[in-house]
């Protein structure tokens, strides 16, 4: 019995010691509370697999009541935000290439005249299918829109009975994966909606996932490695030698991250050599553009790592901060869940994270063949993030062991 009491007292003593140590380790205590709260908010409120209000451009060749009714019905579905009207298809395609819009709706000339003559005019809906999850719900909504449009809205325009005007959506087996709205031969009025999925017409999941995996792998490995760089020096007792060198903080940090740049580029090469032949990923862009984009993301991740390494006082704290940084990179950058389905404040957070722009760059280079100004549209935010993060890392770099 006496031994049991002695053992219990020793356990209690160690328990008190660990409790006091945890209370002093404020970073760990904050992570214990913040990570569950962060995940609850993300998965319960931010994540949405059915995004609405997707940016849509319109090319109108026939200004009529039919056109206004069709566009109004699309807008009322809440899937399409008809944000812009273009005068040429080339300018609309450029906007889609940059990622400014996800749909191009083209209503041809003489659309209303052809309907009234009993012909079958076509409305073309082009969708950016590089992110098939984002546009999938909106494309599915087109299955119901034409029928509702014919049965309700066109009745007042044409003054005809509901039974005289209806349409139904059917799929086409054409290579471009088109969907069409046809009326039966007995119906006096019919129209056709063709959906053309661009850049990924067969909706192959690997075309969306594999380009995103490049950035996810770079972010996880490089931030973790560099986050431990300086804290490892402190725990091993070699930080004094590093501080005694006649090197500025900026020189020290750049010297720390340079080897990891080569590691990151090697990782990119390894992924491309395996993924492209294995999953038959198309490569429409240029190789040097891909490596330039990867190089900038590598720099951005390394600056985040050295910032964490400068702030953290132990390798445990560095790992905790790395996990906290990695969560929004997975959940808010469009890799797993569409950004368009998130609240506005979450979309603004995603615009701060460089991986958001890298996902668009990889899908754009591999699937779209993006180049020139279209690349710069996503490159400059990564450059800005890297510059600001390195500035903060230099300012927080401690020149003493205290």
Foldseek 3Di string as FASTA:
>chain_A
DVVVVVVVVVVVVVVVVVVVVVVVVVLVVCLVPVVVVVVCCQVVAFFDLQFFAFEEEEEEQADDPLVVLLVVLLVVVRRYDHDYYDPDPVVVVLCVLLVVGFKYKYDHHCNVVCQVVQHAEEIEIEGALLPVSSCVNSVVVVQVSQQCSFQPVVCVVVVDHSVQTGWGKAWDPDQQTWIWIFDDPVRSGYYIYIYGYALCSVSDVCSNQLLLVLLLVLLLPQLLVLLVQQQVCLVVVNVVVVLPDPDALLRSLCVSLVVVLVVSLVSVVVSCVCSCVVVVQAFQADPVLLSVLSSLSNLLSSLNNLLSNLPDNHSVSSVSVSVVVSVCLCRQQCNPGHNSRGDPVSNVVNLQDLSNLSSSSSSSRRRPHDDDPSNVSNRVSSVVSSVVSNVSSSVSHDSDSD
